[in-house]
Amino acid sequence: MRAEHVLPDHVDQADIDGVTVRKGTVAAFLANARVWTDPASTDAARAVAATDIVAALPALRAVGLFDVLEIRDVRLRDWIDSSVGIQRDIR
């Protein structure tokens, strides 16, 4: 499957399980994760990244990002797990 099969060029968002998912959500999450984990980031930049990460979590869950990928940075993963509560289906 290619990106345009999920969201064609003329479509900017999709409704997945009742959640609006915009193009760029995963890329924005990755950019915010980099800011959040970068020791050189300012507290203000880290706070903005944290707010944006929290806002994106419903869409990231809807597309199943955390069903197939695990956040490698332990601090970020633990923060998301404890602060926001990503539910994992452990089999």
PDB file of N, CA and C in Angstrom:
ATOM      1  N   MET A   1       0.859  -1.177   0.000  1.00  0.00           N
ATOM      2  CA  MET A   1       0.000   0.000   0.000  1.00  0.00           C
ATOM      3  C   MET A   1       0.896   1.227   0.000  1.00  0.00           C
ATOM      4  N   ARG A   2       0.478   2.212  -0.738  1.00  0.00           N
ATOM      5  CA  ARG A   2       1.211   3.470  -0.794  1.00  0.00           C
ATOM      6  C   ARG A   2       0.385   4.562  -0.130  1.00  0.00           C
ATOM      7  N   ALA A   3       1.053   5.657   0.218  1.00  0.00           N
ATOM      8  CA  ALA A   3       0.396   6.754   0.934  1.00  0.00           C
ATOM      9  C   ALA A   3      -0.861   7.241   0.222  1.00  0.00           C
ATOM     10  N   GLU A   4      -0.799   7.368  -1.100  1.00  0.00           N
ATOM     11  CA  GLU A   4      -1.965   7.878  -1.838  1.00  0.00           C
ATOM     12  C   GLU A   4      -3.131   6.902  -1.836  1.00  0.00           C
ATOM     13  N   HIS A   5      -2.899   5.636  -1.460  1.00  0.00           N
ATOM     14  CA  HIS A   5      -3.997   4.690  -1.317  1.00  0.00           C
ATOM     15  C   HIS A   5      -4.763   4.932  -0.024  1.00  0.00           C
ATOM     16  N   VAL A   6      -4.081   5.491   0.966  1.00  0.00           N
ATOM     17  CA  VAL A   6      -4.731   5.808   2.233  1.00  0.00           C
ATOM     18  C   VAL A   6      -5.429   7.167   2.136  1.00  0.00           C
ATOM     19  N   LEU A   7      -4.688   8.170   1.695  1.00  0.00           N
ATOM     20  CA  LEU A   7      -5.234   9.512   1.498  1.00  0.00           C
ATOM     21  C   LEU A   7      -4.748  10.040   0.155  1.00  0.00           C
ATOM     22  N   PRO A   8      -5.613  10.068  -0.847  1.00  0.00           N
ATOM     23  CA  PRO A   8      -5.211  10.600  -2.152  1.00  0.00           C
ATOM     24  C   PRO A   8      -4.770  12.062  -2.044  1.00  0.00           C
ATOM     25  N   ASP A   9      -4.069  12.539  -3.061  1.00  0.00           N
ATOM     26  CA  ASP A   9      -3.530  13.900  -3.038  1.00  0.00           C
ATOM     27  C   ASP A   9      -4.572  14.961  -2.716  1.00  0.00           C
ATOM     28  N   HIS A  10      -5.780  14.804  -3.211  1.00  0.00           N
ATOM     29  CA  HIS A  10      -6.811  15.827  -3.027  1.00  0.00           C
ATOM     30  C   HIS A  10      -7.546  15.708  -1.684  1.00  0.00           C
ATOM     31  N   VAL A  11      -7.196  14.740  -0.864  1.00  0.00           N
ATOM     32  CA  VAL A  11      -7.852  14.533   0.434  1.00  0.00           C
ATOM     33  C   VAL A  11      -6.848  14.833   1.545  1.00  0.00           C
ATOM     34  N   ASP A  12      -7.243  15.684   2.494  1.00  0.00           N
ATOM     35  CA  ASP A  12      -6.335  16.088   3.567  1.00  0.00           C
ATOM     36  C   ASP A  12      -6.587  15.383   4.892  1.00  0.00           C
ATOM     37  N   GLN A  13      -7.716  14.714   5.008  1.00  0.00           N
ATOM     38  CA  GLN A  13      -8.032  14.039   6.265  1.00  0.00           C
ATOM     39  C   GLN A  13      -8.991  12.893   6.002  1.00  0.00           C
ATOM     40  N   ALA A  14      -9.045  11.990   6.989  1.00  0.00           N
ATOM     41  CA  ALA A  14      -9.959  10.857   6.892  1.00  0.00           C
ATOM     42  C   ALA A  14     -10.569  10.621   8.267  1.00  0.00           C
ATOM     43  N   ASP A  15     -11.735  10.030   8.267  1.00  0.00           N
ATOM     44  CA  ASP A  15     -12.382   9.639   9.517  1.00  0.00           C
ATOM     45  C   ASP A  15     -12.108   8.148   9.713  1.00  0.00           C
ATOM     46  N   ILE A  16     -11.400   7.819  10.787  1.00  0.00           N
ATOM     47  CA  ILE A  16     -11.071   6.436  11.091  1.00  0.00           C
ATOM     48  C   ILE A  16     -11.614   6.127  12.477  1.00  0.00           C
ATOM     49  N   ASP A  17     -12.582   5.232  12.529  1.00  0.00           N
ATOM     50  CA  ASP A  17     -13.212   4.851  13.805  1.00  0.00           C
ATOM     51  C   ASP A  17     -13.692   6.068  14.590  1.00  0.00           C
ATOM     52  N   GLY A  18     -14.264   7.046  13.880  1.00  0.00           N
ATOM     53  CA  GLY A  18     -14.811   8.222  14.540  1.00  0.00           C
ATOM     54  C   GLY A  18     -13.785   9.288  14.911  1.00  0.00           C
ATOM     55  N   VAL A  19     -12.541   9.103  14.503  1.00  0.00           N
ATOM     56  CA  VAL A  19     -11.478  10.071  14.806  1.00  0.00           C
ATOM     57  C   VAL A  19     -11.000  10.678  13.491  1.00  0.00           C
ATOM     58  N   THR A  20     -10.924  12.000  13.453  1.00  0.00           N
ATOM     59  CA  THR A  20     -10.402  12.668  12.271  1.00  0.00           C
ATOM     60  C   THR A  20      -8.886  12.592  12.298  1.00  0.00           C
ATOM     61  N   VAL A  21      -8.325  12.038  11.219  1.00  0.00           N
ATOM     62  CA  VAL A  21      -6.885  11.900  11.097  1.00  0.00           C
ATOM     63  C   VAL A  21      -6.453  12.734   9.897  1.00  0.00           C
ATOM     64  N   ARG A  22      -5.568  13.687  10.158  1.00  0.00           N
ATOM     65  CA  ARG A  22      -5.080  14.570   9.095  1.00  0.00           C
ATOM     66  C   ARG A  22      -3.793  14.029   8.498  1.00  0.00           C
ATOM     67  N   LYS A  23      -3.571  14.361   7.239  1.00  0.00           N
ATOM     68  CA  LYS A  23      -2.277  14.065   6.622  1.00  0.00           C
ATOM     69  C   LYS A  23      -1.202  14.724   7.468  1.00  0.00           C
ATOM     70  N   GLY A  24      -0.119  14.043   7.647  1.00  0.00           N
ATOM     71  CA  GLY A  24       1.002  14.632   8.374  1.00  0.00           C
ATOM     72  C   GLY A  24       1.007  14.335   9.859  1.00  0.00           C
ATOM     73  N   THR A  25      -0.008  13.654  10.357  1.00  0.00           N
ATOM     74  CA  THR A  25      -0.098  13.397  11.798  1.00  0.00           C
ATOM     75  C   THR A  25       1.095  12.597  12.303  1.00  0.00           C
ATOM     76  N   VAL A  26       1.451  11.537  11.598  1.00  0.00           N
ATOM     77  CA  VAL A  26       2.579  10.708  12.043  1.00  0.00           C
ATOM     78  C   VAL A  26       3.882  11.494  11.942  1.00  0.00           C
ATOM     79  N   ALA A  27       4.074  12.231  10.858  1.00  0.00           N
ATOM     80  CA  ALA A  27       5.293  13.032  10.706  1.00  0.00           C
ATOM     81  C   ALA A  27       5.385  14.103  11.786  1.00  0.00           C
ATOM     82  N   ALA A  28       4.262  14.725  12.119  1.00  0.00           N
ATOM     83  CA  ALA A  28       4.260  15.735  13.180  1.00  0.00           C
ATOM     84  C   ALA A  28       4.601  15.101  14.529  1.00  0.00           C
ATOM     85  N   PHE A  29       4.052  13.909  14.794  1.00  0.00           N
ATOM     86  CA  PHE A  29       4.376  13.211  16.034  1.00  0.00           C
ATOM     87  C   PHE A  29       5.877  12.939  16.117  1.00  0.00           C
ATOM     88  N   LEU A  30       6.456  12.462  15.022  1.00  0.00           N
ATOM     89  CA  LEU A  30       7.894  12.169  15.025  1.00  0.00           C
ATOM     90  C   LEU A  30       8.717  13.433  15.261  1.00  0.00           C
ATOM     91  N   ALA A  31       8.329  14.529  14.645  1.00  0.00           N
ATOM     92  CA  ALA A  31       9.039  15.795  14.856  1.00  0.00           C
ATOM     93  C   ALA A  31       8.915  16.245  16.309  1.00  0.00           C
ATOM     94  N   ASN A  32       7.724  16.133  16.868  1.00  0.00           N
ATOM     95  CA  ASN A  32       7.528  16.516  18.269  1.00  0.00           C
ATOM     96  C   ASN A  32       8.271  15.586  19.215  1.00  0.00           C
ATOM     97  N   ALA A  33       8.325  14.299  18.887  1.00  0.00           N
ATOM     98  CA  ALA A  33       9.075  13.352  19.713  1.00  0.00           C
ATOM     99  C   ALA A  33      10.559  13.711  19.718  1.00  0.00           C
ATOM    100  N   ARG A  34      11.073  14.124  18.576  1.00  0.00           N
ATOM    101  CA  ARG A  34      12.487  14.536  18.508  1.00  0.00           C
ATOM    102  C   ARG A  34      12.741  15.744  19.398  1.00  0.00           C
ATOM    103  N   VAL A  35      11.840  16.719  19.361  1.00  0.00           N
ATOM    104  CA  VAL A  35      11.986  17.902  20.220  1.00  0.00           C
ATOM    105  C   VAL A  35      11.901  17.492  21.686  1.00  0.00           C
ATOM    106  N   TRP A  36      10.915  16.679  22.023  1.00  0.00           N
ATOM    107  CA  TRP A  36      10.688  16.274  23.415  1.00  0.00           C
ATOM    108  C   TRP A  36      11.899  15.533  23.979  1.00  0.00           C
ATOM    109  N   THR A  37      12.558  14.719  23.153  1.00  0.00           N
ATOM    110  CA  THR A  37      13.682  13.906  23.626  1.00  0.00           C
ATOM    111  C   THR A  37      15.034  14.591  23.497  1.00  0.00           C
ATOM    112  N   ASP A  38      15.102  15.718  22.813  1.00  0.00           N
ATOM    113  CA  ASP A  38      16.376  16.405  22.589  1.00  0.00           C
ATOM    114  C   ASP A  38      16.792  17.171  23.842  1.00  0.00           C
ATOM    115  N   PRO A  39      17.917  16.803  24.460  1.00  0.00           N
ATOM    116  CA  PRO A  39      18.368  17.512  25.661  1.00  0.00           C
ATOM    117  C   PRO A  39      18.631  18.995  25.421  1.00  0.00           C
ATOM    118  N   ALA A  40      18.857  19.378  24.174  1.00  0.00           N
ATOM    119  CA  ALA A  40      19.111  20.784  23.862  1.00  0.00           C
ATOM    120  C   ALA A  40      17.832  21.596  23.702  1.00  0.00           C
ATOM    121  N   SER A  41      16.677  20.939  23.695  1.00  0.00           N
ATOM    122  CA  SER A  41      15.407  21.661  23.558  1.00  0.00           C
ATOM    123  C   SER A  41      15.141  22.494  24.810  1.00  0.00           C
ATOM    124  N   THR A  42      14.552  23.654  24.593  1.00  0.00           N
ATOM    125  CA  THR A  42      14.178  24.486  25.729  1.00  0.00           C
ATOM    126  C   THR A  42      12.947  23.894  26.412  1.00  0.00           C
ATOM    127  N   ASP A  43      12.725  24.310  27.650  1.00  0.00           N
ATOM    128  CA  ASP A  43      11.527  23.850  28.356  1.00  0.00           C
ATOM    129  C   ASP A  43      10.264  24.268  27.602  1.00  0.00           C
ATOM    130  N   ALA A  44      10.287  25.474  27.025  1.00  0.00           N
ATOM    131  CA  ALA A  44       9.121  25.960  26.277  1.00  0.00           C
ATOM    132  C   ALA A  44       8.876  25.099  25.046  1.00  0.00           C
ATOM    133  N   ALA A  45       9.925  24.769  24.312  1.00  0.00           N
ATOM    134  CA  ALA A  45       9.765  23.932  23.120  1.00  0.00           C
ATOM    135  C   ALA A  45       9.276  22.539  23.502  1.00  0.00           C
ATOM    136  N   ARG A  46       9.816  22.008  24.590  1.00  0.00           N
ATOM    137  CA  ARG A  46       9.393  20.683  25.049  1.00  0.00           C
ATOM    138  C   ARG A  46       7.924  20.708  25.477  1.00  0.00           C
ATOM    139  N   ALA A  47       7.478  21.780  26.101  1.00  0.00           N
ATOM    140  CA  ALA A  47       6.077  21.897  26.528  1.00  0.00           C
ATOM    141  C   ALA A  47       5.142  21.957  25.317  1.00  0.00           C
ATOM    142  N   VAL A  48       5.527  22.704  24.286  1.00  0.00           N
ATOM    143  CA  VAL A  48       4.708  22.765  23.067  1.00  0.00           C
ATOM    144  C   VAL A  48       4.653  21.386  22.419  1.00  0.00           C
ATOM    145  N   ALA A  49       5.791  20.713  22.342  1.00  0.00           N
ATOM    146  CA  ALA A  49       5.832  19.373  21.749  1.00  0.00           C
ATOM    147  C   ALA A  49       4.944  18.420  22.541  1.00  0.00           C
ATOM    148  N   ALA A  50       4.991  18.508  23.862  1.00  0.00           N
ATOM    149  CA  ALA A  50       4.169  17.629  24.706  1.00  0.00           C
ATOM    150  C   ALA A  50       2.684  17.865  24.455  1.00  0.00           C
ATOM    151  N   THR A  51       2.283  19.113  24.357  1.00  0.00           N
ATOM    152  CA  THR A  51       0.884  19.441  24.084  1.00  0.00           C
ATOM    153  C   THR A  51       0.456  18.873  22.730  1.00  0.00           C
ATOM    154  N   ASP A  52       1.314  19.027  21.743  1.00  0.00           N
ATOM    155  CA  ASP A  52       0.988  18.529  20.403  1.00  0.00           C
ATOM    156  C   ASP A  52       0.966  17.000  20.364  1.00  0.00           C
ATOM    157  N   ILE A  53       1.844  16.354  21.114  1.00  0.00           N
ATOM    158  CA  ILE A  53       1.843  14.888  21.186  1.00  0.00           C
ATOM    159  C   ILE A  53       0.528  14.403  21.774  1.00  0.00           C
ATOM    160  N   VAL A  54       0.118  14.995  22.887  1.00  0.00           N
ATOM    161  CA  VAL A  54      -1.138  14.591  23.535  1.00  0.00           C
ATOM    162  C   VAL A  54      -2.310  14.776  22.583  1.00  0.00           C
ATOM    163  N   ALA A  55      -2.329  15.884  21.860  1.00  0.00           N
ATOM    164  CA  ALA A  55      -3.429  16.149  20.927  1.00  0.00           C
ATOM    165  C   ALA A  55      -3.472  15.127  19.791  1.00  0.00           C
ATOM    166  N   ALA A  56      -2.323  14.617  19.396  1.00  0.00           N
ATOM    167  CA  ALA A  56      -2.259  13.683  18.265  1.00  0.00           C
ATOM    168  C   ALA A  56      -2.550  12.238  18.652  1.00  0.00           C
ATOM    169  N   LEU A  57      -2.500  11.907  19.924  1.00  0.00           N
ATOM    170  CA  LEU A  57      -2.626  10.508  20.334  1.00  0.00           C
ATOM    171  C   LEU A  57      -3.899   9.808  19.861  1.00  0.00           C
ATOM    172  N   PRO A  58      -5.068  10.426  19.912  1.00  0.00           N
ATOM    173  CA  PRO A  58      -6.252   9.712  19.403  1.00  0.00           C
ATOM    174  C   PRO A  58      -6.109   9.313  17.926  1.00  0.00           C
ATOM    175  N   ALA A  59      -5.562  10.204  17.116  1.00  0.00           N
ATOM    176  CA  ALA A  59      -5.377   9.893  15.695  1.00  0.00           C
ATOM    177  C   ALA A  59      -4.315   8.812  15.509  1.00  0.00           C
ATOM    178  N   LEU A  60      -3.249   8.878  16.281  1.00  0.00           N
ATOM    179  CA  LEU A  60      -2.190   7.875  16.175  1.00  0.00           C
ATOM    180  C   LEU A  60      -2.698   6.503  16.585  1.00  0.00           C
ATOM    181  N   ARG A  61      -3.552   6.477  17.583  1.00  0.00           N
ATOM    182  CA  ARG A  61      -4.174   5.211  17.979  1.00  0.00           C
ATOM    183  C   ARG A  61      -5.111   4.711  16.883  1.00  0.00           C
ATOM    184  N   ALA A  62      -5.870   5.625  16.290  1.00  0.00           N
ATOM    185  CA  ALA A  62      -6.840   5.241  15.255  1.00  0.00           C
ATOM    186  C   ALA A  62      -6.154   4.610  14.050  1.00  0.00           C
ATOM    187  N   VAL A  63      -4.978   5.118  13.686  1.00  0.00           N
ATOM    188  CA  VAL A  63      -4.273   4.529  12.549  1.00  0.00           C
ATOM    189  C   VAL A  63      -3.471   3.292  12.950  1.00  0.00           C
ATOM    190  N   GLY A  64      -3.411   3.006  14.248  1.00  0.00           N
ATOM    191  CA  GLY A  64      -2.744   1.794  14.724  1.00  0.00           C
ATOM    192  C   GLY A  64      -1.240   1.900  14.858  1.00  0.00           C
ATOM    193  N   LEU A  65      -0.721   3.115  14.968  1.00  0.00           N
ATOM    194  CA  LEU A  65       0.727   3.300  15.052  1.00  0.00           C
ATOM    195  C   LEU A  65       1.344   2.491  16.188  1.00  0.00           C
ATOM    196  N   PHE A  66       0.732   2.554  17.350  1.00  0.00           N
ATOM    197  CA  PHE A  66       1.316   1.895  18.519  1.00  0.00           C
ATOM    198  C   PHE A  66       1.003   0.402  18.578  1.00  0.00           C
ATOM    199  N   ASP A  67       0.198  -0.065  17.633  1.00  0.00           N
ATOM    200  CA  ASP A  67      -0.042  -1.511  17.530  1.00  0.00           C
ATOM    201  C   ASP A  67       1.125  -2.214  16.849  1.00  0.00           C
ATOM    202  N   VAL A  68       1.864  -1.471  16.037  1.00  0.00           N
ATOM    203  CA  VAL A  68       2.961  -2.092  15.294  1.00  0.00           C
ATOM    204  C   VAL A  68       4.332  -1.520  15.623  1.00  0.00           C
ATOM    205  N   LEU A  69       4.383  -0.349  16.232  1.00  0.00           N
ATOM    206  CA  LEU A  69       5.658   0.276  16.579  1.00  0.00           C
ATOM    207  C   LEU A  69       5.692   0.612  18.064  1.00  0.00           C
ATOM    208  N   GLU A  70       6.858   0.478  18.647  1.00  0.00           N
ATOM    209  CA  GLU A  70       7.045   0.854  20.049  1.00  0.00           C
ATOM    210  C   GLU A  70       7.990   2.046  20.092  1.00  0.00           C
ATOM    211  N   ILE A  71       7.702   2.987  20.948  1.00  0.00           N
ATOM    212  CA  ILE A  71       8.565   4.149  21.106  1.00  0.00           C
ATOM    213  C   ILE A  71       9.861   3.675  21.749  1.00  0.00           C
ATOM    214  N   ARG A  72      10.959   3.921  21.079  1.00  0.00           N
ATOM    215  CA  ARG A  72      12.251   3.427  21.534  1.00  0.00           C
ATOM    216  C   ARG A  72      12.802   4.210  22.721  1.00  0.00           C
ATOM    217  N   ASP A  73      12.565   5.510  22.755  1.00  0.00           N
ATOM    218  CA  ASP A  73      13.053   6.320  23.864  1.00  0.00           C
ATOM    219  C   ASP A  73      12.238   5.981  25.111  1.00  0.00           C
ATOM    220  N   VAL A  74      12.895   5.422  26.099  1.00  0.00           N
ATOM    221  CA  VAL A  74      12.204   4.929  27.301  1.00  0.00           C
ATOM    222  C   VAL A  74      11.498   6.063  28.041  1.00  0.00           C
ATOM    223  N   ARG A  75      12.136   7.211  28.154  1.00  0.00           N
ATOM    224  CA  ARG A  75      11.516   8.331  28.883  1.00  0.00           C
ATOM    225  C   ARG A  75      10.228   8.788  28.192  1.00  0.00           C
ATOM    226  N   LEU A  76      10.293   8.928  26.870  1.00  0.00           N
ATOM    227  CA  LEU A  76       9.102   9.353  26.126  1.00  0.00           C
ATOM    228  C   LEU A  76       8.013   8.288  26.217  1.00  0.00           C
ATOM    229  N   ARG A  77       8.395   7.038  26.029  1.00  0.00           N
ATOM    230  CA  ARG A  77       7.419   5.951  26.111  1.00  0.00           C
ATOM    231  C   ARG A  77       6.758   5.913  27.488  1.00  0.00           C
ATOM    232  N   ASP A  78       7.556   6.009  28.543  1.00  0.00           N
ATOM    233  CA  ASP A  78       7.003   5.992  29.904  1.00  0.00           C
ATOM    234  C   ASP A  78       6.120   7.210  30.163  1.00  0.00           C
ATOM    235  N   TRP A  79       6.536   8.373  29.654  1.00  0.00           N
ATOM    236  CA  TRP A  79       5.730   9.585  29.850  1.00  0.00           C
ATOM    237  C   TRP A  79       4.372   9.432  29.171  1.00  0.00           C
ATOM    238  N   ILE A  80       4.392   8.953  27.941  1.00  0.00           N
ATOM    239  CA  ILE A  80       3.127   8.765  27.228  1.00  0.00           C
ATOM    240  C   ILE A  80       2.282   7.709  27.925  1.00  0.00           C
ATOM    241  N   ASP A  81       2.890   6.604  28.319  1.00  0.00           N
ATOM    242  CA  ASP A  81       2.148   5.541  29.009  1.00  0.00           C
ATOM    243  C   ASP A  81       1.529   6.036  30.311  1.00  0.00           C
ATOM    244  N   SER A  82       2.292   6.764  31.111  1.00  0.00           N
ATOM    245  CA  SER A  82       1.786   7.177  32.425  1.00  0.00           C
ATOM    246  C   SER A  82       0.912   8.421  32.366  1.00  0.00           C
ATOM    247  N   SER A  83       1.247   9.345  31.510  1.00  0.00           N
ATOM    248  CA  SER A  83       0.499  10.603  31.457  1.00  0.00           C
ATOM    249  C   SER A  83      -0.761  10.508  30.634  1.00  0.00           C
ATOM    250  N   VAL A  84      -0.718   9.704  29.598  1.00  0.00           N
ATOM    251  CA  VAL A  84      -1.815   9.688  28.662  1.00  0.00           C
ATOM    252  C   VAL A  84      -2.463   8.320  28.569  1.00  0.00           C
ATOM    253  N   GLY A  85      -1.719   7.305  28.883  1.00  0.00           N
ATOM    254  CA  GLY A  85      -2.277   5.964  28.950  1.00  0.00           C
ATOM    255  C   GLY A  85      -2.520   5.295  27.625  1.00  0.00           C
ATOM    256  N   ILE A  86      -1.467   5.120  26.822  1.00  0.00           N
ATOM    257  CA  ILE A  86      -1.623   4.319  25.605  1.00  0.00           C
ATOM    258  C   ILE A  86      -1.958   2.916  26.060  1.00  0.00           C
ATOM    259  N   GLN A  87      -3.032   2.376  25.547  1.00  0.00           N
ATOM    260  CA  GLN A  87      -3.416   1.017  25.895  1.00  0.00           C
ATOM    261  C   GLN A  87      -2.774   0.067  24.903  1.00  0.00           C
ATOM    262  N   ARG A  88      -2.044  -0.882  25.438  1.00  0.00           N
ATOM    263  CA  ARG A  88      -1.391  -1.882  24.589  1.00  0.00           C
ATOM    264  C   ARG A  88      -2.095  -3.210  24.745  1.00  0.00           C
ATOM    265  N   ASP A  89      -2.268  -3.875  23.638  1.00  0.00           N
ATOM    266  CA  ASP A  89      -2.844  -5.213  23.646  1.00  0.00           C
ATOM    267  C   ASP A  89      -1.683  -6.197  23.633  1.00  0.00           C
ATOM    268  N   ILE A  90      -1.293  -6.664  24.783  1.00  0.00           N
ATOM    269  CA  ILE A  90      -0.167  -7.591  24.895  1.00  0.00           C
ATOM    270  C   ILE A  90      -0.692  -9.001  24.785  1.00  0.00           C
ATOM    271  N   ARG A  91      -0.149  -9.743  23.834  1.00  0.00           N
ATOM    272  CA  ARG A  91      -0.610 -11.113  23.606  1.00  0.00           C
ATOM    273  C   ARG A  91       0.420 -12.090  24.076  1.00  0.00           C
TER     274      ARG A  91
END
